[in-house]
Structures are given as C-alpha cells and as structure tokens.
Amino acid sequence: MTEATEQTRTQGTDSGTEPLSTRKATRRGGGDPATRGRTTIADGVVEKIAGLATRDVVGVHAMGSGLSRTFGAVRDRVPGGAKSVTRGVKAEVGEVQTALDLEIVVDYGVSITEVSRDVRENVIAAVERMTGLEVVEVNIAVSDVKLPEEEEEEPEPRIQ
C-alpha cells in the first residue's frame, strides 16, 4: 500500500491525540527492495550472452572445434532443431563473478590478436551489462582459420 493510500485510509484521530494523517506510514520489510532476495544466473545464460557477443565481432567465422561444428551442422539440419549459440563457449558462474572459455575460428587474413582483443571487450561488456557479474577472465582458443573459398573452375566437357 502506498503512503498516500495509507494516509487517506487512516484519516481521523487515534484516541483523540494527533490526527493519523500526519503520521508517516511504516514500510514493511525494511531496506532497499533490490536487496530483498537473491538472484542466481545459470551458466547457460552467461554462455548464450557470450556466444552472441563473440559472433558479433568482425573476423570471427565460427565457434567451437571442428567436431562440435560438424555435429552442430547435422543438428541444425534436423527439423525443429535450433542453432546452438553456446557452441564453443564454457562459463563458470559464481555469485558475483564469472569466467569464460571460448573456442573460435577466425577468418583468414585477420589479426588474431586484434580479433581476440575485440572479442574480450565485447564479451565482457555484454556479460557485465546484462548480468551484473564481474568477468574475471575470458580465455580464447583459436582452433582454426577459415580459408577463402576457392572458386571451382568449370570442368571442360569431354565431348565437343
């Protein structure tokens, strides 16, 4: 009940002493509402945020090892199967901190150190903004380099 509602409801006097409308309504529970209770964040939530933030960085071609990407491609083709945004991401989440391990594939020709720096910055910003957790480390393993597609030449017909 709001303070104004409480005052309106209790207009009058209390045993002839002071009007109730001048008394301040007491709040129950005490303290800031944000401190009442506990919020827990699952590892998978942080993994999704980190996966999406990683994919947003220019130079990141894919995430995960070759084997996980192969299984993911098969799973993506199954009707009703959703693309896994957590592929290549592992998170450890505590009460106030989190640590992340990422496995990425970069495009050929990009600076791996620059891509890694950009990934760290993007992931840390997204995870800290959305969860309020402190990101203590982001470990990045570059497992492959995506080479530019070679254009296949048209084979000449054997018969003219």
N, C-alpha and C. Protein backbone atom coordinates (compact mmCIF):
# COMPACT_ATOMS: atom_id res chain seq x y z
N MET A 1 0.85 -1.16 0.00
CA MET A 1 0.00 0.00 0.00
C MET A 1 0.90 1.23 0.00
N THR A 2 0.57 2.21 -0.81
CA THR A 2 1.40 3.40 -0.88
C THR A 2 1.15 4.29 0.34
N GLU A 3 2.06 5.22 0.56
CA GLU A 3 1.95 6.12 1.71
C GLU A 3 0.69 6.97 1.60
N ALA A 4 0.40 7.47 0.39
CA ALA A 4 -0.80 8.31 0.20
C ALA A 4 -2.06 7.51 0.47
N THR A 5 -2.11 6.27 0.02
CA THR A 5 -3.28 5.42 0.26
C THR A 5 -3.44 5.16 1.74
N GLU A 6 -2.34 4.90 2.43
CA GLU A 6 -2.37 4.65 3.86
C GLU A 6 -2.90 5.88 4.60
N GLN A 7 -2.46 7.06 4.20
CA GLN A 7 -2.90 8.28 4.87
C GLN A 7 -4.38 8.53 4.63
N THR A 8 -4.84 8.31 3.41
CA THR A 8 -6.25 8.51 3.09
C THR A 8 -7.11 7.54 3.88
N ARG A 9 -6.69 6.31 3.99
CA ARG A 9 -7.45 5.27 4.68
C ARG A 9 -7.54 5.55 6.18
N THR A 10 -6.52 6.19 6.73
CA THR A 10 -6.47 6.36 8.19
C THR A 10 -6.76 7.78 8.64
N GLN A 11 -7.43 8.58 7.80
CA GLN A 11 -7.75 9.95 8.18
C GLN A 11 -8.59 9.93 9.46
N GLY A 12 -8.36 10.84 10.31
CA GLY A 12 -9.11 10.91 11.57
C GLY A 12 -8.15 11.03 12.73
N THR A 13 -8.62 10.64 13.90
CA THR A 13 -7.76 10.72 15.08
C THR A 13 -7.64 9.37 15.72
N ASP A 14 -6.61 9.21 16.48
CA ASP A 14 -6.36 7.97 17.21
C ASP A 14 -6.43 8.30 18.69
N SER A 15 -7.49 7.92 19.32
CA SER A 15 -7.74 8.17 20.75
C SER A 15 -7.59 9.64 21.12
N GLY A 16 -7.96 10.54 20.20
CA GLY A 16 -8.00 11.95 20.48
C GLY A 16 -6.65 12.63 20.57
N THR A 17 -5.57 12.00 20.21
CA THR A 17 -4.26 12.63 20.33
C THR A 17 -3.92 13.40 19.05
N GLU A 18 -3.25 12.79 18.13
CA GLU A 18 -2.85 13.52 16.93
C GLU A 18 -3.55 12.91 15.73
N PRO A 19 -3.87 13.72 14.71
CA PRO A 19 -4.52 13.16 13.53
C PRO A 19 -3.62 12.12 12.87
N LEU A 20 -4.23 11.01 12.42
CA LEU A 20 -3.45 9.93 11.80
C LEU A 20 -2.83 10.37 10.48
N SER A 21 -3.45 11.36 9.82
CA SER A 21 -2.93 11.78 8.52
C SER A 21 -1.55 12.42 8.63
N THR A 22 -1.16 12.85 9.82
CA THR A 22 0.16 13.46 9.97
C THR A 22 1.23 12.42 10.27
N ARG A 23 0.83 11.19 10.61
CA ARG A 23 1.80 10.13 10.87
C ARG A 23 2.31 9.56 9.55
N LYS A 24 3.53 9.16 9.56
CA LYS A 24 4.12 8.56 8.37
C LYS A 24 3.82 7.06 8.40
N ALA A 25 3.35 6.53 7.28
CA ALA A 25 3.07 5.11 7.21
C ALA A 25 4.39 4.33 7.27
N THR A 26 4.38 3.25 7.97
CA THR A 26 5.60 2.45 8.09
C THR A 26 5.66 1.45 6.94
N ARG A 27 6.86 1.28 6.39
CA ARG A 27 7.06 0.29 5.34
C ARG A 27 7.42 -1.03 5.99
N ARG A 28 6.89 -2.06 5.47
CA ARG A 28 7.22 -3.38 6.00
C ARG A 28 8.39 -3.97 5.23
N GLY A 29 9.16 -4.79 5.86
CA GLY A 29 10.28 -5.46 5.20
C GLY A 29 11.58 -4.71 5.36
N GLY A 30 11.53 -3.40 5.44
CA GLY A 30 12.73 -2.59 5.65
C GLY A 30 13.77 -2.74 4.55
N GLY A 31 14.49 -1.70 4.32
CA GLY A 31 15.61 -1.74 3.37
C GLY A 31 15.19 -1.58 1.92
N ASP A 32 16.18 -1.52 1.11
CA ASP A 32 16.01 -1.37 -0.33
C ASP A 32 15.39 -2.64 -0.93
N PRO A 33 14.35 -2.52 -1.73
CA PRO A 33 13.73 -3.71 -2.33
C PRO A 33 14.71 -4.55 -3.15
N ALA A 34 15.73 -3.92 -3.71
CA ALA A 34 16.70 -4.66 -4.52
C ALA A 34 17.52 -5.63 -3.68
N THR A 35 17.57 -5.43 -2.38
CA THR A 35 18.36 -6.31 -1.52
C THR A 35 17.52 -7.41 -0.89
N ARG A 36 16.25 -7.45 -1.19
CA ARG A 36 15.37 -8.47 -0.62
C ARG A 36 15.33 -9.67 -1.56
N GLY A 37 16.04 -10.69 -1.22
CA GLY A 37 16.04 -11.89 -2.04
C GLY A 37 17.35 -12.06 -2.77
N ARG A 38 17.44 -13.12 -3.54
CA ARG A 38 18.68 -13.47 -4.21
C ARG A 38 18.40 -13.80 -5.67
N THR A 39 19.27 -13.38 -6.54
CA THR A 39 19.15 -13.70 -7.96
C THR A 39 20.30 -14.62 -8.32
N THR A 40 19.98 -15.72 -8.95
CA THR A 40 21.03 -16.62 -9.44
C THR A 40 20.96 -16.66 -10.96
N ILE A 41 22.11 -16.75 -11.58
CA ILE A 41 22.19 -16.76 -13.04
C ILE A 41 22.84 -18.07 -13.45
N ALA A 42 22.17 -18.83 -14.29
CA ALA A 42 22.67 -20.13 -14.73
C ALA A 42 23.85 -19.97 -15.69
N ASP A 43 24.71 -20.97 -15.71
CA ASP A 43 25.86 -20.97 -16.62
C ASP A 43 25.40 -20.78 -18.07
N GLY A 44 24.31 -21.44 -18.43
CA GLY A 44 23.81 -21.37 -19.80
C GLY A 44 23.41 -19.97 -20.23
N VAL A 45 22.93 -19.17 -19.31
CA VAL A 45 22.55 -17.79 -19.62
C VAL A 45 23.79 -16.99 -20.00
N VAL A 46 24.84 -17.11 -19.20
CA VAL A 46 26.08 -16.40 -19.48
C VAL A 46 26.69 -16.93 -20.78
N GLU A 47 26.60 -18.24 -21.02
CA GLU A 47 27.14 -18.82 -22.26
C GLU A 47 26.43 -18.27 -23.50
N LYS A 48 25.12 -18.11 -23.43
CA LYS A 48 24.38 -17.55 -24.57
C LYS A 48 24.78 -16.10 -24.84
N ILE A 49 24.87 -15.31 -23.77
CA ILE A 49 25.25 -13.91 -23.93
C ILE A 49 26.64 -13.82 -24.54
N ALA A 50 27.58 -14.61 -24.02
CA ALA A 50 28.96 -14.59 -24.51
C ALA A 50 29.03 -15.09 -25.96
N GLY A 51 28.26 -16.11 -26.29
CA GLY A 51 28.25 -16.64 -27.65
C GLY A 51 27.76 -15.62 -28.66
N LEU A 52 26.69 -14.94 -28.33
CA LEU A 52 26.16 -13.92 -29.24
C LEU A 52 27.12 -12.74 -29.37
N ALA A 53 27.72 -12.34 -28.25
CA ALA A 53 28.66 -11.22 -28.27
C ALA A 53 29.91 -11.57 -29.08
N THR A 54 30.34 -12.81 -29.02
CA THR A 54 31.52 -13.25 -29.78
C THR A 54 31.22 -13.25 -31.27
N ARG A 55 30.07 -13.75 -31.65
CA ARG A 55 29.71 -13.82 -33.07
C ARG A 55 29.55 -12.44 -33.69
N ASP A 56 29.32 -11.41 -32.87
CA ASP A 56 29.16 -10.05 -33.37
C ASP A 56 30.48 -9.42 -33.81
N VAL A 57 31.61 -10.02 -33.45
CA VAL A 57 32.92 -9.44 -33.74
C VAL A 57 33.35 -9.80 -35.17
N VAL A 58 33.77 -8.78 -35.91
CA VAL A 58 34.25 -8.99 -37.27
C VAL A 58 35.55 -9.79 -37.20
N GLY A 59 35.63 -10.83 -38.03
CA GLY A 59 36.81 -11.68 -38.05
C GLY A 59 36.56 -13.04 -37.43
N VAL A 60 35.48 -13.17 -36.63
CA VAL A 60 35.10 -14.46 -36.07
C VAL A 60 34.23 -15.16 -37.11
N HIS A 61 34.73 -16.27 -37.62
CA HIS A 61 33.98 -17.00 -38.65
C HIS A 61 32.97 -17.96 -38.02
N ALA A 62 33.42 -18.69 -36.99
CA ALA A 62 32.56 -19.68 -36.34
C ALA A 62 33.07 -19.91 -34.93
N MET A 63 32.33 -20.74 -34.20
CA MET A 63 32.74 -21.07 -32.84
C MET A 63 32.71 -22.57 -32.65
N GLY A 64 33.62 -23.05 -31.80
CA GLY A 64 33.68 -24.46 -31.48
C GLY A 64 34.78 -25.16 -32.26
N SER A 65 35.06 -26.40 -31.86
CA SER A 65 36.06 -27.20 -32.55
C SER A 65 35.45 -27.78 -33.83
N GLY A 66 36.28 -28.36 -34.64
CA GLY A 66 35.79 -28.96 -35.89
C GLY A 66 34.73 -30.02 -35.64
N LEU A 67 34.93 -30.84 -34.62
CA LEU A 67 33.97 -31.90 -34.31
C LEU A 67 32.64 -31.32 -33.84
N SER A 68 32.68 -30.34 -32.95
CA SER A 68 31.43 -29.75 -32.46
C SER A 68 30.70 -29.00 -33.57
N ARG A 69 31.45 -28.40 -34.50
CA ARG A 69 30.81 -27.72 -35.63
C ARG A 69 30.15 -28.73 -36.56
N THR A 70 30.78 -29.89 -36.75
CA THR A 70 30.20 -30.94 -37.60
C THR A 70 28.90 -31.44 -37.00
N PHE A 71 28.92 -31.77 -35.70
CA PHE A 71 27.69 -32.21 -35.04
C PHE A 71 26.64 -31.12 -35.05
N GLY A 72 27.06 -29.88 -34.87
CA GLY A 72 26.13 -28.76 -34.89
C GLY A 72 25.48 -28.58 -36.25
N ALA A 73 26.25 -28.78 -37.31
CA ALA A 73 25.69 -28.66 -38.66
C ALA A 73 24.63 -29.72 -38.90
N VAL A 74 24.86 -30.93 -38.42
CA VAL A 74 23.88 -32.00 -38.55
C VAL A 74 22.64 -31.66 -37.74
N ARG A 75 22.84 -31.20 -36.50
CA ARG A 75 21.72 -30.84 -35.63
C ARG A 75 20.91 -29.68 -36.22
N ASP A 76 21.59 -28.73 -36.87
CA ASP A 76 20.90 -27.59 -37.47
C ASP A 76 19.99 -28.00 -38.61
N ARG A 77 20.31 -29.10 -39.27
CA ARG A 77 19.50 -29.57 -40.41
C ARG A 77 18.26 -30.33 -39.97
N VAL A 78 18.22 -30.78 -38.73
CA VAL A 78 17.07 -31.52 -38.22
C VAL A 78 15.91 -30.55 -38.07
N PRO A 79 14.73 -30.91 -38.60
CA PRO A 79 13.58 -30.02 -38.46
C PRO A 79 13.28 -29.74 -36.99
N GLY A 80 13.09 -28.48 -36.67
CA GLY A 80 12.80 -28.08 -35.31
C GLY A 80 14.05 -27.88 -34.47
N GLY A 81 15.19 -28.22 -35.01
CA GLY A 81 16.44 -28.04 -34.27
C GLY A 81 16.87 -26.58 -34.34
N ALA A 82 17.26 -26.03 -33.23
CA ALA A 82 17.68 -24.63 -33.19
C ALA A 82 19.20 -24.55 -33.25
N LYS A 83 19.69 -23.48 -33.84
CA LYS A 83 21.12 -23.26 -33.91
C LYS A 83 21.64 -23.01 -32.51
N SER A 84 22.72 -23.69 -32.14
CA SER A 84 23.26 -23.56 -30.79
C SER A 84 24.15 -22.33 -30.70
N VAL A 85 23.74 -21.36 -29.91
CA VAL A 85 24.55 -20.15 -29.73
C VAL A 85 25.62 -20.37 -28.67
N THR A 86 25.54 -21.49 -27.96
CA THR A 86 26.52 -21.75 -26.91
C THR A 86 27.67 -22.64 -27.38
N ARG A 87 27.64 -23.04 -28.65
CA ARG A 87 28.73 -23.88 -29.17
C ARG A 87 30.04 -23.12 -29.05
N GLY A 88 31.05 -23.76 -28.45
CA GLY A 88 32.34 -23.13 -28.31
C GLY A 88 32.47 -22.22 -27.10
N VAL A 89 31.48 -22.25 -26.20
CA VAL A 89 31.50 -21.38 -25.01
C VAL A 89 31.33 -22.23 -23.76
N LYS A 90 32.17 -21.99 -22.79
CA LYS A 90 32.04 -22.64 -21.48
C LYS A 90 32.15 -21.56 -20.42
N ALA A 91 31.18 -21.50 -19.53
CA ALA A 91 31.18 -20.48 -18.47
C ALA A 91 31.16 -21.14 -17.10
N GLU A 92 31.86 -20.53 -16.18
CA GLU A 92 31.78 -20.90 -14.77
C GLU A 92 31.23 -19.66 -14.06
N VAL A 93 30.08 -19.83 -13.41
CA VAL A 93 29.41 -18.68 -12.80
C VAL A 93 29.36 -18.86 -11.29
N GLY A 94 29.84 -17.85 -10.58
CA GLY A 94 29.74 -17.81 -9.12
C GLY A 94 28.65 -16.83 -8.73
N GLU A 95 28.67 -16.41 -7.48
CA GLU A 95 27.65 -15.47 -7.01
C GLU A 95 27.87 -14.06 -7.53
N VAL A 96 29.13 -13.65 -7.68
CA VAL A 96 29.39 -12.28 -8.14
C VAL A 96 30.39 -12.21 -9.30
N GLN A 97 30.97 -13.35 -9.67
CA GLN A 97 31.97 -13.36 -10.74
C GLN A 97 31.71 -14.49 -11.71
N THR A 98 32.29 -14.37 -12.91
CA THR A 98 32.21 -15.43 -13.90
C THR A 98 33.52 -15.47 -14.69
N ALA A 99 33.83 -16.65 -15.19
CA ALA A 99 35.00 -16.84 -16.05
C ALA A 99 34.53 -17.59 -17.29
N LEU A 100 35.10 -17.24 -18.44
CA LEU A 100 34.65 -17.81 -19.70
C LEU A 100 35.81 -18.40 -20.50
N ASP A 101 35.52 -19.51 -21.18
CA ASP A 101 36.45 -20.11 -22.14
C ASP A 101 35.73 -20.14 -23.49
N LEU A 102 36.38 -19.58 -24.50
CA LEU A 102 35.80 -19.53 -25.85
C LEU A 102 36.69 -20.26 -26.83
N GLU A 103 36.09 -20.97 -27.77
CA GLU A 103 36.84 -21.60 -28.85
C GLU A 103 36.28 -21.04 -30.15
N ILE A 104 37.17 -20.38 -30.92
CA ILE A 104 36.71 -19.70 -32.12
C ILE A 104 37.50 -20.11 -33.35
N VAL A 105 36.90 -19.84 -34.51
CA VAL A 105 37.55 -19.98 -35.81
C VAL A 105 37.57 -18.58 -36.40
N VAL A 106 38.74 -18.14 -36.84
CA VAL A 106 38.86 -16.79 -37.40
C VAL A 106 38.96 -16.86 -38.91
N ASP A 107 38.60 -15.75 -39.55
CA ASP A 107 38.74 -15.64 -41.00
C ASP A 107 40.22 -15.46 -41.35
N TYR A 108 40.61 -16.02 -42.49
CA TYR A 108 41.98 -15.88 -42.94
C TYR A 108 42.28 -14.40 -43.23
N GLY A 109 43.45 -13.95 -42.80
CA GLY A 109 43.89 -12.60 -43.09
C GLY A 109 43.67 -11.60 -41.98
N VAL A 110 42.88 -11.95 -40.98
CA VAL A 110 42.65 -11.01 -39.89
C VAL A 110 43.74 -11.19 -38.83
N SER A 111 43.96 -10.16 -38.05
CA SER A 111 44.92 -10.24 -36.96
C SER A 111 44.26 -10.98 -35.79
N ILE A 112 44.82 -12.12 -35.44
CA ILE A 112 44.24 -12.93 -34.37
C ILE A 112 44.30 -12.18 -33.04
N THR A 113 45.36 -11.44 -32.81
CA THR A 113 45.45 -10.69 -31.54
C THR A 113 44.39 -9.59 -31.48
N GLU A 114 44.13 -8.92 -32.61
CA GLU A 114 43.09 -7.88 -32.61
C GLU A 114 41.70 -8.47 -32.46
N VAL A 115 41.44 -9.58 -33.15
CA VAL A 115 40.14 -10.24 -33.03
C VAL A 115 39.94 -10.71 -31.59
N SER A 116 40.98 -11.28 -30.99
CA SER A 116 40.88 -11.75 -29.60
C SER A 116 40.59 -10.59 -28.65
N ARG A 117 41.27 -9.48 -28.85
CA ARG A 117 41.04 -8.30 -28.01
C ARG A 117 39.60 -7.81 -28.16
N ASP A 118 39.14 -7.72 -29.41
CA ASP A 118 37.77 -7.25 -29.66
C ASP A 118 36.73 -8.20 -29.07
N VAL A 119 36.99 -9.50 -29.17
CA VAL A 119 36.08 -10.49 -28.58
C VAL A 119 36.02 -10.30 -27.07
N ARG A 120 37.18 -10.18 -26.43
CA ARG A 120 37.21 -9.99 -24.97
C ARG A 120 36.41 -8.75 -24.57
N GLU A 121 36.67 -7.62 -25.25
CA GLU A 121 35.98 -6.38 -24.92
C GLU A 121 34.47 -6.52 -25.08
N ASN A 122 34.03 -7.12 -26.19
CA ASN A 122 32.61 -7.25 -26.47
C ASN A 122 31.93 -8.21 -25.48
N VAL A 123 32.58 -9.32 -25.20
CA VAL A 123 32.00 -10.30 -24.28
C VAL A 123 31.92 -9.73 -22.87
N ILE A 124 33.00 -9.13 -22.40
CA ILE A 124 33.00 -8.56 -21.05
C ILE A 124 31.92 -7.49 -20.91
N ALA A 125 31.82 -6.61 -21.88
CA ALA A 125 30.81 -5.54 -21.82
C ALA A 125 29.40 -6.12 -21.80
N ALA A 126 29.11 -7.09 -22.66
CA ALA A 126 27.77 -7.67 -22.74
C ALA A 126 27.41 -8.44 -21.47
N VAL A 127 28.31 -9.29 -21.00
CA VAL A 127 28.01 -10.11 -19.82
C VAL A 127 27.86 -9.23 -18.58
N GLU A 128 28.78 -8.28 -18.38
CA GLU A 128 28.68 -7.42 -17.19
C GLU A 128 27.45 -6.54 -17.22
N ARG A 129 27.10 -6.02 -18.40
CA ARG A 129 25.93 -5.15 -18.51
C ARG A 129 24.64 -5.93 -18.25
N MET A 130 24.54 -7.12 -18.81
CA MET A 130 23.28 -7.87 -18.72
C MET A 130 23.12 -8.63 -17.42
N THR A 131 24.22 -9.07 -16.81
CA THR A 131 24.10 -9.91 -15.62
C THR A 131 24.53 -9.22 -14.33
N GLY A 132 25.36 -8.19 -14.44
CA GLY A 132 25.90 -7.56 -13.24
C GLY A 132 27.05 -8.34 -12.62
N LEU A 133 27.42 -9.46 -13.23
CA LEU A 133 28.55 -10.25 -12.75
C LEU A 133 29.85 -9.64 -13.22
N GLU A 134 30.89 -9.77 -12.41
CA GLU A 134 32.22 -9.32 -12.82
C GLU A 134 32.87 -10.44 -13.63
N VAL A 135 33.31 -10.13 -14.84
CA VAL A 135 34.01 -11.11 -15.67
C VAL A 135 35.49 -11.06 -15.29
N VAL A 136 35.98 -12.14 -14.69
CA VAL A 136 37.36 -12.13 -14.22
C VAL A 136 38.35 -12.57 -15.29
N GLU A 137 37.90 -13.40 -16.25
CA GLU A 137 38.78 -13.77 -17.35
C GLU A 137 37.98 -14.30 -18.52
N VAL A 138 38.52 -14.06 -19.71
CA VAL A 138 37.97 -14.61 -20.94
C VAL A 138 39.14 -15.26 -21.67
N ASN A 139 39.19 -16.59 -21.64
CA ASN A 139 40.24 -17.33 -22.31
C ASN A 139 39.76 -17.70 -23.71
N ILE A 140 40.60 -17.44 -24.70
CA ILE A 140 40.20 -17.69 -26.09
C ILE A 140 41.18 -18.68 -26.72
N ALA A 141 40.61 -19.74 -27.30
CA ALA A 141 41.40 -20.71 -28.05
C ALA A 141 41.00 -20.60 -29.51
N VAL A 142 41.95 -20.27 -30.36
CA VAL A 142 41.68 -20.21 -31.80
C VAL A 142 41.99 -21.60 -32.34
N SER A 143 40.93 -22.31 -32.77
CA SER A 143 41.09 -23.70 -33.17
C SER A 143 41.28 -23.89 -34.67
N ASP A 144 40.98 -22.85 -35.46
CA ASP A 144 41.10 -23.00 -36.90
C ASP A 144 41.08 -21.62 -37.56
N VAL A 145 41.49 -21.61 -38.83
CA VAL A 145 41.43 -20.42 -39.67
C VAL A 145 40.61 -20.78 -40.89
N LYS A 146 39.59 -19.99 -41.17
CA LYS A 146 38.74 -20.23 -42.33
C LYS A 146 39.42 -19.63 -43.55
N LEU A 147 39.80 -20.49 -44.49
CA LEU A 147 40.45 -20.04 -45.72
C LEU A 147 39.41 -19.54 -46.70
N PRO A 148 39.82 -18.58 -47.55
CA PRO A 148 38.85 -18.09 -48.54
C PRO A 148 38.43 -19.23 -49.47
N GLU A 149 37.18 -19.20 -49.84
CA GLU A 149 36.67 -20.24 -50.74
C GLU A 149 37.37 -20.14 -52.09
N GLU A 150 37.86 -21.23 -52.56
CA GLU A 150 38.46 -21.27 -53.89
C GLU A 150 37.36 -21.47 -54.90
N GLU A 151 37.40 -20.66 -55.92
CA GLU A 151 36.38 -20.81 -56.96
C GLU A 151 36.68 -22.06 -57.76
N GLU A 152 35.65 -22.86 -57.88
CA GLU A 152 35.81 -24.08 -58.67
C GLU A 152 35.67 -23.74 -60.14
N GLU A 153 36.64 -24.15 -60.89
CA GLU A 153 36.58 -23.89 -62.33
C GLU A 153 35.62 -24.87 -62.95
N GLU A 154 34.94 -24.40 -64.01
CA GLU A 154 34.03 -25.26 -64.74
C GLU A 154 34.85 -26.32 -65.46
N PRO A 155 34.59 -27.57 -65.23
CA PRO A 155 35.34 -28.59 -65.96
C PRO A 155 34.96 -28.56 -67.43
N GLU A 156 35.95 -28.69 -68.27
CA GLU A 156 35.65 -28.71 -69.71
C GLU A 156 34.96 -30.01 -70.05
N PRO A 157 33.93 -29.92 -70.88
CA PRO A 157 33.26 -31.15 -71.25
C PRO A 157 34.21 -32.05 -72.06
N ARG A 158 34.05 -33.34 -71.85
CA ARG A 158 34.92 -34.27 -72.58
C ARG A 158 34.51 -34.38 -74.03
N ILE A 159 33.26 -34.14 -74.28
CA ILE A 159 32.78 -34.26 -75.67
C ILE A 159 32.47 -32.87 -76.18
N GLN A 160 32.93 -32.62 -77.43
CA GLN A 160 32.66 -31.33 -78.02
C GLN A 160 31.55 -31.40 -79.02
